[in-house]
Amino acid sequence: MDEAPGSPQGPRDQGPQDAQSLPTCYRHPDRETGIRCARCERPICPECMVSASVGFQCPECVRGGSGTGHSPAATQPRTLAGGTVTADPRLVTKILIGVNLAVFLVQLSVGDSFTDHFDLFGRAWLSGQLQGVAEGQWYRMLTAMFLHGSYIHILFNMLSLWWIGGPLEAALGRARYVALYFVSGLAGSALTYLIAAPNQPSLGASGAIFGLFGATAVLMRRLNYDMRPVIALLVINLIFTFGWSNIAWQAHIGGLVGGVLIGYTMVHAPRERRNLIQYGVCALVLAAVVVAALVRTAQLT
């Protein structure tokens, strides 16, 4: 079975910065940054940045913006991508990890029969009848994202989700982060369905996690961080993807491409049309997923 095990993705490493030229965030002294608040000029990291009409502001300046003539909605703290700043910026990441772990426990308890009915494959005989996405079981493209084939598989994927997903969720906001995660994962499932053997099962959160990885690279570029560490990490992951057997590389590549496209839109969309452009691109990627699934279904049936 092609389990699509998560490649050993390490933690997101922003790399060594020049200590003499980059200050540290005034709220997070362990984080170097090249961004300063447009009002008080204190250095702020991505988690603390709030989009303003010109540049970014720190949370204190936003909350204390009396006398500026702005309405309460206008001074509400926002993330770099326009999302709402929340008290727990890793909440969705924690929930996703919890769901993946819960589903894995069900897999261990019920056995292969549960996995076989929810993993991803195009068309094959199962329990005496033809099953698969081509037979109308489109839900497999989603449910396969929460299944794992072994302890090491889920360990690597959940560590990667925590290391990469948490900071990205803080930078994008919850709604945009959820859209990025699921659309990237579905893009990985669609590419797997489109070009993998129809009777070859695959499963795992790797497609979605590669989407987060791609969006992280875009974010680091947007913030003018040193790109060498993220490029090196990408190369290492691609080596594992294509160098190890039993890995559904299609899910990795599909998720990565989807994550880059959506991530670029999230952090570069103009403020005045930000929501329309961000969620519009997510809809376009989803449309591509549907088209790919329809084409493959027509080929198999």
Protein backbone atom coordinates (compact mmCIF):
# COMPACT_ATOMS: atom_id res chain seq x y z
CA MET A 1 0.00 0.00 0.00
CA ASP A 2 1.28 3.43 -0.93
CA GLU A 3 0.67 5.03 2.42
CA ALA A 4 1.90 8.48 1.40
CA PRO A 5 3.85 8.66 4.67
CA GLY A 6 4.80 12.14 5.73
CA SER A 7 8.33 12.87 4.71
CA PRO A 8 10.60 13.81 7.60
CA GLN A 9 9.82 17.47 7.52
CA GLY A 10 11.76 19.33 10.10
CA PRO A 11 10.65 22.42 11.99
CA ARG A 12 10.35 25.65 10.12
CA ASP A 13 13.71 27.29 10.55
CA GLN A 14 13.95 30.94 9.67
CA GLY A 15 17.68 30.68 9.68
CA PRO A 16 20.40 32.71 11.32
CA GLN A 17 19.89 36.41 10.88
CA ASP A 18 22.46 39.15 11.10
CA ALA A 19 22.34 40.08 14.78
CA GLN A 20 23.89 43.47 14.09
CA SER A 21 21.26 44.54 11.57
CA LEU A 22 18.05 42.86 12.72
CA PRO A 23 16.46 43.71 16.09
CA THR A 24 14.19 41.36 18.01
CA CYS A 25 10.44 41.72 18.46
CA TYR A 26 9.65 43.78 21.54
CA ARG A 27 6.97 41.24 22.58
CA HIS A 28 8.94 38.12 21.60
CA PRO A 29 12.66 38.73 22.29
CA ASP A 30 13.64 35.39 20.72
CA ARG A 31 12.35 36.41 17.26
CA GLU A 32 14.41 38.60 14.96
CA THR A 33 12.55 40.83 12.55
CA GLY A 34 13.09 43.53 10.00
CA ILE A 35 9.59 45.03 10.43
CA ARG A 36 8.79 47.98 12.70
CA CYS A 37 5.51 49.48 13.88
CA ALA A 38 4.56 52.38 11.63
CA ARG A 39 3.51 54.47 14.66
CA CYS A 40 5.91 53.75 17.52
CA GLU A 41 8.70 52.16 15.40
CA ARG A 42 9.15 49.23 17.77
CA PRO A 43 10.29 46.00 16.03
CA ILE A 44 7.45 43.48 15.56
CA CYS A 45 7.37 39.87 14.37
CA PRO A 46 4.70 38.37 12.05
CA GLU A 47 2.54 37.29 15.00
CA CYS A 48 2.42 40.86 16.31
CA MET A 49 1.98 42.68 13.01
CA VAL A 50 -1.39 44.34 12.40
CA SER A 51 -2.12 45.62 8.89
CA ALA A 52 -2.58 49.38 8.74
CA SER A 53 -3.33 51.80 5.92
CA VAL A 54 0.42 52.35 5.67
CA GLY A 55 2.69 49.54 6.82
CA PHE A 56 2.02 47.56 10.00
CA GLN A 57 1.28 48.51 13.61
CA CYS A 58 1.90 46.73 16.89
CA PRO A 59 -1.09 45.52 18.96
CA GLU A 60 -0.58 48.24 21.61
CA CYS A 61 -0.74 51.05 19.06
CA VAL A 62 -3.86 49.56 17.52
CA ARG A 63 -5.63 49.20 20.87
CA GLY A 64 -4.56 52.67 21.94
CA GLY A 65 -5.53 54.36 18.68
CA SER A 66 -7.89 56.92 20.28
CA GLY A 67 -8.11 60.27 18.59
CA THR A 68 -7.23 58.79 15.20
CA GLY A 69 -10.76 59.06 13.87
CA HIS A 70 -10.92 55.32 13.19
CA SER A 71 -13.93 53.23 14.10
CA PRO A 72 -13.51 50.24 16.48
CA ALA A 73 -13.73 47.90 13.48
CA ALA A 74 -10.97 49.79 11.70
CA THR A 75 -8.61 49.47 14.68
CA GLN A 76 -9.31 45.79 15.32
CA PRO A 77 -6.01 43.92 15.37
CA ARG A 78 -5.37 42.07 12.11
CA THR A 79 -2.79 39.57 11.00
CA LEU A 80 -0.46 40.06 8.07
CA ALA A 81 -3.03 38.44 5.75
CA GLY A 82 -5.99 40.36 7.18
CA GLY A 83 -7.27 37.78 9.66
CA THR A 84 -8.39 38.56 13.19
CA VAL A 85 -5.72 38.37 15.89
CA THR A 86 -6.83 35.80 18.48
CA ALA A 87 -5.81 34.97 22.02
CA ASP A 88 -4.68 31.46 21.01
CA PRO A 89 -3.03 31.72 17.56
CA ARG A 90 -2.45 27.93 17.42
CA LEU A 91 -5.98 26.77 18.23
CA VAL A 92 -6.83 25.37 14.77
CA THR A 93 -3.47 23.61 14.57
CA LYS A 94 -4.17 21.95 17.92
CA ILE A 95 -7.61 20.86 16.75
CA LEU A 96 -6.22 19.41 13.51
CA ILE A 97 -3.59 17.46 15.42
CA GLY A 98 -6.26 16.21 17.82
CA VAL A 99 -8.51 15.04 14.97
CA ASN A 100 -5.64 13.24 13.24
CA LEU A 101 -4.66 11.48 16.46
CA ALA A 102 -8.26 10.52 17.21
CA VAL A 103 -8.73 9.03 13.73
CA PHE A 104 -5.45 7.12 14.08
CA LEU A 105 -6.69 5.60 17.34
CA VAL A 106 -9.84 4.48 15.53
CA GLN A 107 -7.67 2.91 12.83
CA LEU A 108 -5.75 0.99 15.48
CA SER A 109 -8.94 -0.09 17.22
CA VAL A 110 -11.03 -1.12 14.21
CA GLY A 111 -8.25 -2.35 11.91
CA ASP A 112 -7.72 -2.35 8.17
CA SER A 113 -11.43 -2.50 7.37
CA PHE A 114 -11.85 1.09 8.56
CA THR A 115 -8.82 2.34 6.66
CA ASP A 116 -9.81 0.53 3.46
CA HIS A 117 -13.17 2.31 3.38
CA PHE A 118 -11.75 5.83 3.79
CA ASP A 119 -8.32 5.89 2.14
CA LEU A 120 -7.79 7.25 -1.38
CA PHE A 121 -7.76 5.14 -4.53
CA GLY A 122 -9.32 5.56 -7.94
CA ARG A 123 -11.07 2.29 -8.64
CA ALA A 124 -10.50 -1.23 -7.33
CA TRP A 125 -12.31 -4.31 -6.06
CA LEU A 126 -12.96 -4.14 -2.32
CA SER A 127 -15.23 -6.46 -0.34
CA GLY A 128 -16.46 -8.03 -3.56
CA GLN A 129 -17.47 -4.83 -5.36
CA LEU A 130 -15.91 -1.97 -7.28
CA GLN A 131 -15.17 0.99 -5.04
CA GLY A 132 -13.15 4.19 -5.15
CA VAL A 133 -13.46 7.82 -6.16
CA ALA A 134 -14.43 6.82 -9.69
CA GLU A 135 -17.42 4.96 -8.23
CA GLY A 136 -18.76 8.13 -6.62
CA GLN A 137 -16.86 7.91 -3.33
CA TRP A 138 -15.45 11.43 -3.60
CA TYR A 139 -15.29 11.71 0.18
CA ARG A 140 -12.12 9.60 0.03
CA MET A 141 -10.22 12.65 -1.27
CA LEU A 142 -10.94 14.35 2.07
CA THR A 143 -11.00 11.47 4.55
CA ALA A 144 -7.63 10.15 3.33
CA MET A 145 -6.08 13.39 4.64
CA PHE A 146 -6.76 12.24 8.23
CA LEU A 147 -5.55 8.65 7.93
CA HIS A 148 -2.03 7.36 8.61
CA GLY A 149 -0.32 4.08 7.96
CA SER A 150 2.05 3.75 10.92
CA TYR A 151 3.32 5.36 14.12
CA ILE A 152 6.29 6.93 12.35
CA HIS A 153 4.00 8.22 9.60
CA ILE A 154 1.73 10.13 11.95
CA LEU A 155 4.65 11.20 14.16
CA PHE A 156 6.45 12.99 11.32
CA ASN A 157 3.27 14.55 10.00
CA MET A 158 2.04 15.85 13.35
CA LEU A 159 5.44 17.25 14.31
CA SER A 160 5.58 19.01 10.96
CA LEU A 161 2.04 20.32 11.41
CA TRP A 162 2.92 21.74 14.82
CA TRP A 163 6.21 23.33 13.78
CA ILE A 164 5.00 24.77 10.48
CA GLY A 165 1.28 25.19 11.06
CA GLY A 166 1.36 27.10 14.33
CA PRO A 167 3.39 30.11 13.15
CA LEU A 168 1.54 30.13 9.83
CA GLU A 169 -1.84 30.16 11.55
CA ALA A 170 -0.70 33.14 13.62
CA ALA A 171 0.40 35.00 10.48
CA LEU A 172 -2.71 34.27 8.39
CA GLY A 173 -5.56 34.04 10.87
CA ARG A 174 -7.84 31.07 11.49
CA ALA A 175 -10.21 31.24 8.52
CA ARG A 176 -7.46 31.71 5.94
CA TYR A 177 -5.34 29.02 7.58
CA VAL A 178 -8.22 26.52 7.45
CA ALA A 179 -8.83 27.35 3.77
CA LEU A 180 -5.12 26.89 2.99
CA TYR A 181 -4.91 23.56 4.82
CA PHE A 182 -7.94 21.89 3.29
CA VAL A 183 -7.61 23.23 -0.25
CA SER A 184 -3.93 22.25 -0.36
CA GLY A 185 -4.76 18.80 0.94
CA LEU A 186 -7.48 18.35 -1.66
CA ALA A 187 -5.09 19.53 -4.37
CA GLY A 188 -2.70 16.77 -3.30
CA SER A 189 -5.53 14.21 -3.35
CA ALA A 190 -6.64 15.38 -6.81
CA LEU A 191 -3.18 15.00 -8.33
CA THR A 192 -2.83 11.56 -6.73
CA TYR A 193 -6.19 10.49 -8.13
CA LEU A 194 -5.35 11.93 -11.54
CA ILE A 195 -2.03 10.21 -12.23
CA ALA A 196 -1.52 7.38 -9.72
CA ALA A 197 -2.55 3.82 -10.49
CA PRO A 198 -6.30 3.49 -9.86
CA ASN A 199 -5.88 0.53 -7.52
CA GLN A 200 -3.03 2.12 -5.54
CA PRO A 201 -4.26 3.32 -2.13
CA SER A 202 -2.74 6.39 -0.48
CA LEU A 203 -3.37 8.22 2.76
CA GLY A 204 -1.86 10.84 5.03
CA ALA A 205 -1.84 14.54 5.87
CA SER A 206 1.33 15.11 3.83
CA GLY A 207 -0.44 16.92 0.97
CA ALA A 208 -1.90 19.52 3.33
CA ILE A 209 1.38 19.85 5.22
CA PHE A 210 3.32 20.41 2.00
CA GLY A 211 0.79 23.14 1.26
CA LEU A 212 1.63 24.78 4.59
CA PHE A 213 5.30 24.38 3.75
CA GLY A 214 4.85 26.18 0.42
CA ALA A 215 2.88 29.00 2.03
CA THR A 216 5.58 29.35 4.71
CA ALA A 217 8.22 29.85 2.02
CA VAL A 218 6.07 32.56 0.42
CA LEU A 219 5.57 34.25 3.80
CA MET A 220 9.28 34.22 4.58
CA ARG A 221 9.98 35.78 1.20
CA ARG A 222 7.32 38.42 1.86
CA LEU A 223 9.00 39.34 5.17
CA ASN A 224 12.48 39.40 3.60
CA TYR A 225 13.75 36.56 5.77
CA ASP A 226 16.78 34.52 4.74
CA MET A 227 15.43 32.01 2.20
CA ARG A 228 18.38 29.62 2.26
CA PRO A 229 17.13 27.49 5.18
CA VAL A 230 13.65 27.03 3.71
CA ILE A 231 15.07 26.22 0.27
CA ALA A 232 17.42 23.65 1.82
CA LEU A 233 14.53 22.12 3.76
CA LEU A 234 12.43 21.96 0.59
CA VAL A 235 15.22 20.20 -1.30
CA ILE A 236 15.63 17.67 1.53
CA ASN A 237 11.91 16.96 1.57
CA LEU A 238 11.81 16.50 -2.19
CA ILE A 239 14.75 14.10 -1.99
CA PHE A 240 12.81 12.00 0.53
CA THR A 241 9.65 12.31 -1.56
CA PHE A 242 11.23 10.92 -4.73
CA GLY A 243 13.99 8.83 -3.15
CA TRP A 244 11.96 6.66 -0.79
CA SER A 245 9.56 3.98 -1.89
CA ASN A 246 6.02 3.78 -0.55
CA ILE A 247 5.53 7.58 -0.69
CA ALA A 248 2.74 9.15 -2.71
CA TRP A 249 4.80 11.92 -4.26
CA GLN A 250 1.76 13.14 -6.18
CA ALA A 251 0.10 14.30 -2.96
CA HIS A 252 3.25 16.16 -1.92
CA ILE A 253 3.63 17.98 -5.22
CA GLY A 254 -0.08 18.77 -5.54
CA GLY A 255 -0.24 20.13 -2.01
CA LEU A 256 2.96 22.15 -2.47
CA VAL A 257 1.73 23.80 -5.67
CA GLY A 258 -1.64 24.58 -4.10
CA GLY A 259 0.02 25.98 -0.98
CA VAL A 260 2.32 28.26 -2.95
CA LEU A 261 -0.55 29.65 -5.04
CA ILE A 262 -2.83 30.24 -2.08
CA GLY A 263 -0.04 31.45 0.21
CA TYR A 264 1.11 34.02 -2.34
CA THR A 265 -2.42 35.36 -2.63
CA MET A 266 -2.86 35.45 1.14
CA VAL A 267 0.16 37.66 1.79
CA HIS A 268 0.24 39.76 -1.39
CA ALA A 269 -3.43 40.55 -2.09
CA PRO A 270 -4.14 44.31 -2.05
CA ARG A 271 -5.93 45.38 1.10
CA GLU A 272 -8.95 46.98 -0.59
CA ARG A 273 -9.92 43.70 -2.33
CA ARG A 274 -8.15 41.27 -0.07
CA ASN A 275 -11.02 38.97 0.91
CA LEU A 276 -12.33 38.68 -2.64
CA ILE A 277 -8.93 37.82 -4.10
CA GLN A 278 -7.85 35.47 -1.31
CA TYR A 279 -10.97 33.35 -1.21
CA GLY A 280 -11.43 33.68 -4.98
CA VAL A 281 -8.09 31.96 -5.57
CA CYS A 282 -9.06 29.25 -3.07
CA ALA A 283 -12.23 28.72 -5.10
CA LEU A 284 -10.24 28.52 -8.34
CA VAL A 285 -7.92 25.87 -6.89
CA LEU A 286 -10.97 23.92 -5.70
CA ALA A 287 -12.43 24.21 -9.19
CA ALA A 288 -9.20 22.74 -10.59
CA VAL A 289 -9.53 19.88 -8.09
CA VAL A 290 -13.06 19.15 -9.30
CA VAL A 291 -12.04 19.29 -12.97
CA ALA A 292 -9.12 16.91 -12.37
CA ALA A 293 -11.42 14.49 -10.54
CA LEU A 294 -14.01 14.62 -13.31
CA VAL A 295 -11.39 13.99 -16.00
CA ARG A 296 -9.95 11.02 -14.16
CA THR A 297 -13.38 9.59 -13.41
CA ALA A 298 -14.24 9.79 -17.13
CA GLN A 299 -11.02 7.94 -17.95
CA LEU A 300 -11.67 5.14 -15.47
CA THR A 301 -15.35 4.64 -16.19
